[in-house]
Every structure is written in C-alpha cells, then in structure tokens.
C-alpha cells in the first residue's frame, strides 16, 4: 500500500522536474533517489510512458553519444495537473503536517 502512495508522489516529482527542463530516465532515477525513492527502471519507464500516452508529457528523442535518449517535457495538460496537485499538496500539508 505504501508503494501506491509513493507512486503518486513520484508522478508529481516527474511533472515538477519536467516543467523546469527536459528530463530523461536515468537523471530522474538519480533525482528521485536524492529524495529517498528507490525506484527501478521497471517502475520508472512505465510511469513515463503512461504520462506521455495520457498527454501530460511530450517526448523528444535525441542522439547523445551515439545512443538515442528520450527527453520528456511537460505539456499544457501536465502543467494544469501539476498546478492542481500543488493546491492539493498545500491543503494536505496544512491539515496533516501543520494540524490546521
């Protein structure tokens, strides 16, 4: 059950970072690890594919050192979802963390 909660947090992290700059899988795994999320490729890449297929991220492929790297960037739909999540996160912090 805890894993399910964290998967939601991970999706929000991905949208947040993809709103700042294009991101790719390995970079995201490292960033998420900094926040204490131990996530495998088998978990991360399906999340990225789903966010892309659902229209929250756009994909751009680039040749980097002879290998194709998939960069993801947030879409307008993703920005709207992220903004909505920010409001809900603030509500949750106010209620759960600050006890308001």
N, C-alpha and C. Protein backbone atom coordinates (compact mmCIF):
# COMPACT_ATOMS: atom_id res chain seq x y z
N UNK A 1 0.82 -1.19 0.00
CA UNK A 1 0.00 0.00 0.00
C UNK A 1 0.87 1.26 0.00
N UNK A 2 1.92 1.29 0.80
CA UNK A 2 2.80 2.45 0.87
C UNK A 2 3.37 2.75 -0.51
N UNK A 3 3.73 1.71 -1.25
CA UNK A 3 4.28 1.89 -2.60
C UNK A 3 3.28 2.66 -3.48
N UNK A 4 2.01 2.36 -3.36
CA UNK A 4 0.99 3.06 -4.14
C UNK A 4 0.95 4.55 -3.81
N UNK A 5 1.08 4.88 -2.52
CA UNK A 5 1.12 6.29 -2.14
C UNK A 5 2.32 6.98 -2.78
N UNK A 6 3.47 6.34 -2.67
CA UNK A 6 4.70 6.94 -3.19
C UNK A 6 4.69 7.08 -4.71
N UNK A 7 4.00 6.18 -5.40
CA UNK A 7 3.92 6.30 -6.86
C UNK A 7 3.23 7.59 -7.28
N UNK A 8 2.26 8.01 -6.52
CA UNK A 8 1.62 9.31 -6.78
C UNK A 8 2.59 10.45 -6.57
N UNK A 9 3.38 10.37 -5.50
CA UNK A 9 4.39 11.41 -5.25
C UNK A 9 5.41 11.45 -6.37
N UNK A 10 5.80 10.28 -6.84
CA UNK A 10 6.80 10.18 -7.91
C UNK A 10 6.27 10.83 -9.19
N UNK A 11 5.02 10.59 -9.52
CA UNK A 11 4.43 11.22 -10.71
C UNK A 11 4.47 12.74 -10.60
N UNK A 12 4.17 13.26 -9.42
CA UNK A 12 4.21 14.70 -9.21
C UNK A 12 5.64 15.22 -9.32
N UNK A 13 6.59 14.50 -8.76
CA UNK A 13 8.00 14.87 -8.91
C UNK A 13 8.39 14.95 -10.38
N UNK A 14 7.99 13.95 -11.15
CA UNK A 14 8.32 13.92 -12.57
C UNK A 14 7.75 15.14 -13.27
N UNK A 15 6.47 15.42 -13.04
CA UNK A 15 5.86 16.59 -13.67
C UNK A 15 6.57 17.87 -13.25
N UNK A 16 6.90 17.97 -11.99
CA UNK A 16 7.61 19.17 -11.50
C UNK A 16 8.93 19.37 -12.23
N UNK A 17 9.74 18.33 -12.29
CA UNK A 17 11.06 18.47 -12.92
C UNK A 17 10.93 18.67 -14.43
N UNK A 18 9.94 18.02 -15.04
CA UNK A 18 9.73 18.19 -16.48
C UNK A 18 9.19 19.58 -16.80
N UNK A 19 8.69 20.29 -15.81
CA UNK A 19 8.22 21.66 -16.02
C UNK A 19 9.40 22.64 -15.99
N UNK A 20 10.49 22.23 -15.38
CA UNK A 20 11.68 23.09 -15.26
C UNK A 20 12.60 22.96 -16.47
N UNK A 21 12.76 21.71 -16.95
CA UNK A 21 13.65 21.43 -18.07
C UNK A 21 13.36 20.03 -18.59
N UNK A 22 13.79 19.72 -19.81
CA UNK A 22 13.61 18.35 -20.31
C UNK A 22 14.34 17.36 -19.40
N UNK A 23 13.71 16.22 -19.15
CA UNK A 23 14.29 15.21 -18.26
C UNK A 23 14.34 13.87 -18.98
N UNK A 24 15.23 12.99 -18.50
CA UNK A 24 15.32 11.64 -19.05
C UNK A 24 15.41 10.66 -17.89
N UNK A 25 15.19 9.38 -18.20
CA UNK A 25 15.04 8.35 -17.19
C UNK A 25 16.12 8.26 -16.14
N UNK A 26 17.36 8.11 -16.55
CA UNK A 26 18.45 7.94 -15.59
C UNK A 26 18.57 9.14 -14.66
N UNK A 27 18.45 10.32 -15.24
CA UNK A 27 18.50 11.55 -14.46
C UNK A 27 17.38 11.58 -13.41
N UNK A 28 16.19 11.18 -13.82
CA UNK A 28 15.07 11.15 -12.89
C UNK A 28 15.28 10.13 -11.78
N UNK A 29 15.84 8.99 -12.11
CA UNK A 29 16.11 7.98 -11.09
C UNK A 29 17.06 8.53 -10.02
N UNK A 30 18.08 9.25 -10.47
CA UNK A 30 19.04 9.85 -9.54
C UNK A 30 18.38 10.93 -8.68
N UNK A 31 17.57 11.76 -9.32
CA UNK A 31 16.87 12.83 -8.59
C UNK A 31 15.91 12.23 -7.56
N UNK A 32 15.15 11.23 -7.97
CA UNK A 32 14.22 10.59 -7.04
C UNK A 32 14.96 9.91 -5.89
N UNK A 33 16.12 9.33 -6.17
CA UNK A 33 16.93 8.69 -5.12
C UNK A 33 17.37 9.72 -4.09
N UNK A 34 17.65 10.94 -4.54
CA UNK A 34 18.03 12.02 -3.61
C UNK A 34 16.91 12.29 -2.60
N UNK A 35 15.69 12.01 -3.01
CA UNK A 35 14.53 12.23 -2.14
C UNK A 35 14.11 10.96 -1.40
N UNK A 36 14.91 9.91 -1.53
CA UNK A 36 14.65 8.69 -0.79
C UNK A 36 13.79 7.65 -1.50
N UNK A 37 13.48 7.89 -2.77
CA UNK A 37 12.69 6.92 -3.53
C UNK A 37 13.62 5.97 -4.25
N UNK A 38 13.54 4.70 -3.90
CA UNK A 38 14.33 3.66 -4.58
C UNK A 38 13.43 3.10 -5.68
N UNK A 39 13.68 3.54 -6.89
CA UNK A 39 12.81 3.18 -7.99
C UNK A 39 13.63 2.50 -9.08
N UNK A 40 13.10 1.42 -9.61
CA UNK A 40 13.80 0.68 -10.67
C UNK A 40 13.36 1.17 -12.03
N UNK A 41 14.12 0.81 -13.05
CA UNK A 41 13.75 1.12 -14.44
C UNK A 41 12.39 0.52 -14.76
N UNK A 42 12.14 -0.66 -14.22
CA UNK A 42 10.89 -1.36 -14.47
C UNK A 42 9.67 -0.66 -13.88
N UNK A 43 9.91 0.25 -12.96
CA UNK A 43 8.83 1.06 -12.39
C UNK A 43 8.79 2.43 -13.06
N UNK A 44 9.96 3.05 -13.24
CA UNK A 44 10.01 4.41 -13.76
C UNK A 44 9.54 4.51 -15.21
N UNK A 45 10.06 3.66 -16.08
CA UNK A 45 9.75 3.82 -17.50
C UNK A 45 8.28 3.62 -17.82
N UNK A 46 7.59 2.67 -17.20
CA UNK A 46 6.14 2.60 -17.43
C UNK A 46 5.39 3.87 -16.96
N UNK A 47 5.87 4.49 -15.89
CA UNK A 47 5.27 5.74 -15.43
C UNK A 47 5.47 6.82 -16.49
N UNK A 48 6.69 6.95 -17.00
CA UNK A 48 6.97 7.94 -18.04
C UNK A 48 6.12 7.69 -19.29
N UNK A 49 6.04 6.43 -19.70
CA UNK A 49 5.25 6.09 -20.89
C UNK A 49 3.78 6.43 -20.67
N UNK A 50 3.28 6.15 -19.50
CA UNK A 50 1.87 6.43 -19.20
C UNK A 50 1.61 7.94 -19.19
N UNK A 51 2.50 8.70 -18.55
CA UNK A 51 2.34 10.15 -18.53
C UNK A 51 2.39 10.72 -19.95
N UNK A 52 3.25 10.14 -20.77
CA UNK A 52 3.35 10.56 -22.18
C UNK A 52 2.08 10.18 -22.94
N UNK A 53 1.67 8.93 -22.83
CA UNK A 53 0.48 8.46 -23.55
C UNK A 53 -0.79 9.18 -23.12
N UNK A 54 -0.84 9.60 -21.86
CA UNK A 54 -2.02 10.31 -21.36
C UNK A 54 -1.96 11.82 -21.63
N UNK A 55 -0.88 12.28 -22.26
CA UNK A 55 -0.80 13.68 -22.67
C UNK A 55 -0.22 14.65 -21.66
N UNK A 56 0.39 14.13 -20.59
CA UNK A 56 0.99 15.01 -19.58
C UNK A 56 2.43 15.38 -19.91
N UNK A 57 3.08 14.55 -20.71
CA UNK A 57 4.46 14.79 -21.14
C UNK A 57 4.55 14.63 -22.65
N UNK A 58 5.46 15.37 -23.23
CA UNK A 58 5.78 15.21 -24.64
C UNK A 58 7.19 14.62 -24.71
N UNK A 59 7.44 13.83 -25.73
CA UNK A 59 8.70 13.10 -25.87
C UNK A 59 9.48 13.64 -27.05
N UNK A 60 10.78 13.82 -26.84
CA UNK A 60 11.68 14.20 -27.92
C UNK A 60 12.91 13.30 -27.83
N UNK A 61 13.24 12.66 -28.94
CA UNK A 61 14.40 11.77 -28.97
C UNK A 61 15.60 12.53 -29.53
N UNK A 62 16.76 12.33 -28.86
CA UNK A 62 18.00 12.96 -29.30
C UNK A 62 19.12 11.94 -29.27
N UNK A 63 20.04 12.08 -30.21
CA UNK A 63 21.22 11.24 -30.25
C UNK A 63 22.26 11.84 -29.31
N UNK A 64 22.61 11.10 -28.29
CA UNK A 64 23.59 11.55 -27.30
C UNK A 64 24.69 10.49 -27.23
N UNK A 65 25.86 10.82 -27.75
CA UNK A 65 26.97 9.87 -27.72
C UNK A 65 26.69 8.59 -28.49
N UNK A 66 25.92 8.70 -29.56
CA UNK A 66 25.62 7.53 -30.38
C UNK A 66 24.43 6.72 -29.89
N UNK A 67 23.82 7.16 -28.80
CA UNK A 67 22.64 6.46 -28.27
C UNK A 67 21.45 7.41 -28.31
N UNK A 68 20.28 6.85 -28.55
CA UNK A 68 19.06 7.66 -28.55
C UNK A 68 18.58 7.83 -27.11
N UNK A 69 18.45 9.08 -26.70
CA UNK A 69 17.95 9.39 -25.36
C UNK A 69 16.58 10.03 -25.52
N UNK A 70 15.65 9.60 -24.68
CA UNK A 70 14.30 10.15 -24.70
C UNK A 70 14.18 11.23 -23.63
N UNK A 71 13.93 12.44 -24.09
CA UNK A 71 13.72 13.57 -23.19
C UNK A 71 12.23 13.84 -23.08
N UNK A 72 11.79 14.10 -21.86
CA UNK A 72 10.39 14.39 -21.61
C UNK A 72 10.25 15.81 -21.10
N UNK A 73 9.21 16.48 -21.58
CA UNK A 73 8.90 17.85 -21.17
C UNK A 73 7.40 17.90 -20.88
N UNK A 74 7.03 18.72 -19.95
CA UNK A 74 5.62 18.83 -19.56
C UNK A 74 4.81 19.49 -20.67
N UNK A 75 3.55 19.10 -20.78
CA UNK A 75 2.62 19.70 -21.73
C UNK A 75 1.69 20.66 -20.98
N UNK A 76 0.83 21.33 -21.72
CA UNK A 76 -0.16 22.21 -21.08
C UNK A 76 -1.06 21.41 -20.14
N UNK A 77 -1.46 20.22 -20.57
CA UNK A 77 -2.28 19.36 -19.71
C UNK A 77 -1.51 18.98 -18.45
N UNK A 78 -0.22 18.70 -18.59
CA UNK A 78 0.62 18.37 -17.45
C UNK A 78 0.77 19.55 -16.50
N UNK A 79 0.92 20.76 -17.07
CA UNK A 79 1.02 21.96 -16.23
C UNK A 79 -0.25 22.17 -15.42
N UNK A 80 -1.39 21.97 -16.06
CA UNK A 80 -2.67 22.11 -15.35
C UNK A 80 -2.78 21.10 -14.22
N UNK A 81 -2.39 19.85 -14.50
CA UNK A 81 -2.44 18.81 -13.48
C UNK A 81 -1.50 19.13 -12.33
N UNK A 82 -0.29 19.60 -12.66
CA UNK A 82 0.69 19.95 -11.63
C UNK A 82 0.17 21.09 -10.75
N UNK A 83 -0.44 22.08 -11.37
CA UNK A 83 -0.98 23.20 -10.61
C UNK A 83 -2.08 22.73 -9.66
N UNK A 84 -2.94 21.86 -10.14
CA UNK A 84 -3.99 21.30 -9.30
C UNK A 84 -3.40 20.50 -8.14
N UNK A 85 -2.35 19.73 -8.45
CA UNK A 85 -1.68 18.94 -7.40
C UNK A 85 -1.05 19.85 -6.35
N UNK A 86 -0.48 20.96 -6.79
CA UNK A 86 0.14 21.89 -5.83
C UNK A 86 -0.88 22.37 -4.81
N UNK A 87 -2.08 22.71 -5.27
CA UNK A 87 -3.12 23.15 -4.35
C UNK A 87 -3.50 22.05 -3.37
N UNK A 88 -3.63 20.83 -3.88
CA UNK A 88 -3.99 19.71 -3.01
C UNK A 88 -2.87 19.38 -2.03
N UNK A 89 -1.62 19.49 -2.48
CA UNK A 89 -0.47 19.26 -1.60
C UNK A 89 -0.48 20.27 -0.46
N UNK A 90 -0.73 21.54 -0.80
CA UNK A 90 -0.76 22.58 0.24
C UNK A 90 -1.87 22.31 1.25
N UNK A 91 -3.03 21.91 0.75
CA UNK A 91 -4.13 21.55 1.66
C UNK A 91 -3.72 20.41 2.59
N UNK A 92 -3.07 19.41 2.01
CA UNK A 92 -2.65 18.25 2.79
C UNK A 92 -1.61 18.63 3.83
N UNK A 93 -0.66 19.46 3.46
CA UNK A 93 0.36 19.93 4.41
C UNK A 93 -0.32 20.68 5.55
N UNK A 94 -1.23 21.58 5.18
CA UNK A 94 -1.93 22.36 6.21
C UNK A 94 -2.68 21.46 7.19
N UNK A 95 -3.28 20.42 6.69
CA UNK A 95 -4.09 19.55 7.54
C UNK A 95 -3.27 18.51 8.29
N UNK A 96 -2.39 17.82 7.58
CA UNK A 96 -1.69 16.69 8.17
C UNK A 96 -0.43 17.10 8.91
N UNK A 97 0.36 17.96 8.32
CA UNK A 97 1.65 18.32 8.92
C UNK A 97 1.50 19.44 9.95
N UNK A 98 0.77 20.47 9.57
CA UNK A 98 0.66 21.62 10.46
C UNK A 98 -0.52 21.53 11.41
N UNK A 99 -1.39 20.54 11.20
CA UNK A 99 -2.51 20.30 12.09
C UNK A 99 -3.59 21.36 12.06
N UNK A 100 -3.76 22.03 10.93
CA UNK A 100 -4.78 23.10 10.83
C UNK A 100 -6.12 22.54 10.44
